[in-house]
C-alpha atoms as a PDB file:
ATOM      1  CA  MET A   1     145.840 106.182  95.014  1.00  0.00           C
ATOM      2  CA  LEU A   2     141.997 105.796  95.286  1.00  0.00           C
ATOM      3  CA  LEU A   3     142.298 103.792  98.911  1.00  0.00           C
ATOM      4  CA  LEU A   4     144.564 106.808 100.111  1.00  0.00           C
ATOM      5  CA  ALA A   5     143.587 109.757  98.648  1.00  0.00           C
ATOM      6  CA  ALA A   6     140.079 108.340 100.531  1.00  0.00           C
ATOM      7  CA  LYS A   7     140.780 108.210 104.013  1.00  0.00           C
ATOM      8  CA  PHE A   8     142.866 111.476 103.959  1.00  0.00           C
ATOM      9  CA  GLY A   9     140.118 112.698 102.267  1.00  0.00           C
ATOM     10  CA  VAL A  10     141.835 113.844  98.806  1.00  0.00           C
ATOM     11  CA  PRO A  11     139.713 114.424  95.398  1.00  0.00           C
ATOM     12  CA  VAL A  12     141.750 112.634  92.534  1.00  0.00           C
ATOM     13  CA  CYS A  13     140.759 113.136  89.260  1.00  0.00           C
ATOM     14  CA  PRO A  14     142.273 110.367  87.075  1.00  0.00           C
ATOM     15  CA  HIS A  15     144.244 111.463  84.147  1.00  0.00           C
ATOM     16  CA  ALA A  16     142.801 110.697  80.569  1.00  0.00           C
ATOM     17  CA  GLY A  17     143.842 113.463  78.116  1.00  0.00           C
ATOM     18  CA  GLY A  18     146.280 111.359  76.176  1.00  0.00           C
ATOM     19  CA  ILE A  19     145.559 108.047  73.190  1.00  0.00           C
ATOM     20  CA  GLY A  20     144.301 105.410  75.215  1.00  0.00           C
ATOM     21  CA  LEU A  21     144.195 106.738  78.494  1.00  0.00           C
ATOM     22  CA  CYS A  22     139.762 107.593  78.077  1.00  0.00           C
ATOM     23  CA  GLU A  23     139.422 103.684  77.997  1.00  0.00           C
ATOM     24  CA  TYR A  24     142.356 103.297  80.275  1.00  0.00           C
ATOM     25  CA  GLY A  25     140.908 105.942  83.041  1.00  0.00           C
ATOM     26  CA  GLN A  26     136.698 104.298  83.184  1.00  0.00           C
ATOM     27  CA  HIS A  27     138.250 101.575  84.806  1.00  0.00           C
ATOM     28  CA  VAL A  28     139.724 103.648  87.831  1.00  0.00           C
ATOM     29  CA  SER A  29     136.758 105.470  88.102  1.00  0.00           C
ATOM     30  CA  LEU A  30     135.106 102.336  88.187  1.00  0.00           C
ATOM     31  CA  ILE A  31     137.205 100.935  90.722  1.00  0.00           C
ATOM     32  CA  ASP A  32     135.866 104.170  92.895  1.00  0.00           C
ATOM     33  CA  TYR A  33     132.450 103.958  92.552  1.00  0.00           C
ATOM     34  CA  ILE A  34     132.378 100.474  93.501  1.00  0.00           C
ATOM     35  CA  CYS A  35     134.534  99.344  95.631  1.00  0.00           C
ATOM     36  CA  VAL A  36     135.579 102.705  97.074  1.00  0.00           C
ATOM     37  CA  SER A  37     133.585 106.374  97.863  1.00  0.00           C
ATOM     38  CA  GLY A  38     129.981 104.088  96.590  1.00  0.00           C
ATOM     39  CA  SER A  39     129.312 107.481  95.015  1.00  0.00           C
ATOM     40  CA  LEU A  40     129.321 109.618  92.271  1.00  0.00           C
ATOM     41  CA  ASP A  41     128.636 113.331  94.029  1.00  0.00           C
ATOM     42  CA  ASN A  42     131.759 115.018  93.709  1.00  0.00           C
ATOM     43  CA  ARG A  43     133.975 113.023  91.617  1.00  0.00           C
ATOM     44  CA  MET A  44     135.014 113.788  88.634  1.00  0.00           C
ATOM     45  CA  ILE A  45     137.576 112.062  85.937  1.00  0.00           C
ATOM     46  CA  GLU A  46     138.649 114.242  82.405  1.00  0.00           C
ATOM     47  CA  PHE A  47     138.085 113.073  78.967  1.00  0.00           C
ATOM     48  CA  ALA A  48     139.321 114.607  75.677  1.00  0.00           C
ATOM     49  CA  ASP A  49     137.179 114.514  72.579  1.00  0.00           C
ATOM     50  CA  HIS A  50     139.603 112.285  70.202  1.00  0.00           C
ATOM     51  CA  LEU A  51     141.069 109.413  68.697  1.00  0.00           C
ATOM     52  CA  HIS A  52     138.911 106.644  70.038  1.00  0.00           C
ATOM     53  CA  GLU A  53     138.139 105.730  66.011  1.00  0.00           C
ATOM     54  CA  HIS A  54     141.353 103.523  66.954  1.00  0.00           C
ATOM     55  CA  PHE A  55     139.986 101.390  69.535  1.00  0.00           C
ATOM     56  CA  LYS A  56     137.937  98.429  69.039  1.00  0.00           C
ATOM     57  CA  ASP A  57     136.037  99.444  71.617  1.00  0.00           C
ATOM     58  CA  PRO A  58     136.540 102.777  72.592  1.00  0.00           C
ATOM     59  CA  VAL A  59     135.132 104.627  75.764  1.00  0.00           C
ATOM     60  CA  VAL A  60     131.201 105.633  75.595  1.00  0.00           C
ATOM     61  CA  VAL A  61     129.621 108.934  77.145  1.00  0.00           C
ATOM     62  CA  ARG A  62     126.329 109.751  77.740  1.00  0.00           C
ATOM     63  CA  GLY A  63     125.205 112.034  80.401  1.00  0.00           C
ATOM     64  CA  ASP A  64     128.779 114.214  80.871  1.00  0.00           C
ATOM     65  CA  ARG A  65     128.719 110.300  82.601  1.00  0.00           C
ATOM     66  CA  TYR A  66     131.540 107.889  81.720  1.00  0.00           C
ATOM     67  CA  MET A  67     129.153 104.200  81.187  1.00  0.00           C
ATOM     68  CA  ALA A  68     130.491 100.956  82.216  1.00  0.00           C
ATOM     69  CA  PRO A  69     131.951  99.325  79.471  1.00  0.00           C
ATOM     70  CA  THR A  70     130.200  96.279  77.717  1.00  0.00           C
ATOM     71  CA  ALA A  71     133.264  94.220  76.498  1.00  0.00           C
ATOM     72  CA  PRO A  72     135.803  92.431  79.069  1.00  0.00           C
ATOM     73  CA  GLY A  73     139.170  93.880  79.147  1.00  0.00           C
ATOM     74  CA  PHE A  74     140.231  97.612  79.983  1.00  0.00           C
ATOM     75  CA  SER A  75     139.062  98.569  76.477  1.00  0.00           C
ATOM     76  CA  ILE A  76     142.337  99.857  75.078  1.00  0.00           C
ATOM     77  CA  GLU A  77     143.052  97.187  71.954  1.00  0.00           C
ATOM     78  CA  MET A  78     143.524  99.107  69.794  1.00  0.00           C
ATOM     79  CA  LEU A  79     142.445  98.393  65.261  1.00  0.00           C
ATOM     80  CA  PRO A  80     144.817  97.074  63.096  1.00  0.00           C
ATOM     81  CA  ALA A  81     143.998  99.037  60.404  1.00  0.00           C
ATOM     82  CA  SER A  82     145.026 101.887  62.595  1.00  0.00           C
ATOM     83  CA  LEU A  83     148.558  99.918  64.661  1.00  0.00           C
ATOM     84  CA  ALA A  84     149.776  99.174  61.116  1.00  0.00           C
ATOM     85  CA  ALA A  85     149.019 102.929  59.710  1.00  0.00           C
ATOM     86  CA  PHE A  86     150.641 104.224  62.907  1.00  0.00           C
ATOM     87  CA  GLU A  87     153.731 102.259  63.421  1.00  0.00           C
ATOM     88  CA  PHE A  88     157.103 103.690  63.615  1.00  0.00           C
ATOM     89  CA  PRO A  89     158.319 104.311  61.020  1.00  0.00           C
ATOM     90  CA  ILE A  90     157.200 102.532  58.123  1.00  0.00           C
ATOM     91  CA  GLY A  91     153.582 102.888  58.328  1.00  0.00           C
ATOM     92  CA  ALA A  92     151.679 104.816  55.861  1.00  0.00           C
ATOM     93  CA  GLU A  93     151.207 107.903  58.214  1.00  0.00           C
ATOM     94  CA  TRP A  94     155.134 108.807  59.517  1.00  0.00           C
ATOM     95  CA  LYS A  95     155.906 108.356  55.239  1.00  0.00           C
ATOM     96  CA  LYS A  96     153.589 111.364  54.453  1.00  0.00           C
END
């Protein structure tokens, strides 16, 4: 996707508005910067400021920019308590 968009000069704005998508999206943005564009000019990524409390290594934003993750992996490991609470149909959140 990034290479094809770069070839034709099409801007890319990764969608990151749902649970875990910001955590995934930060990697797309890093790949673009490191491997494709080498620049932050005319780059954007969506950010939704909710649901990060359910992740072991949530995305970090400073100065309107995603920070590179410091833990290995895709940063989408959910906390066991969140998984248990929202497991359908037996989680406590579904029983309310």
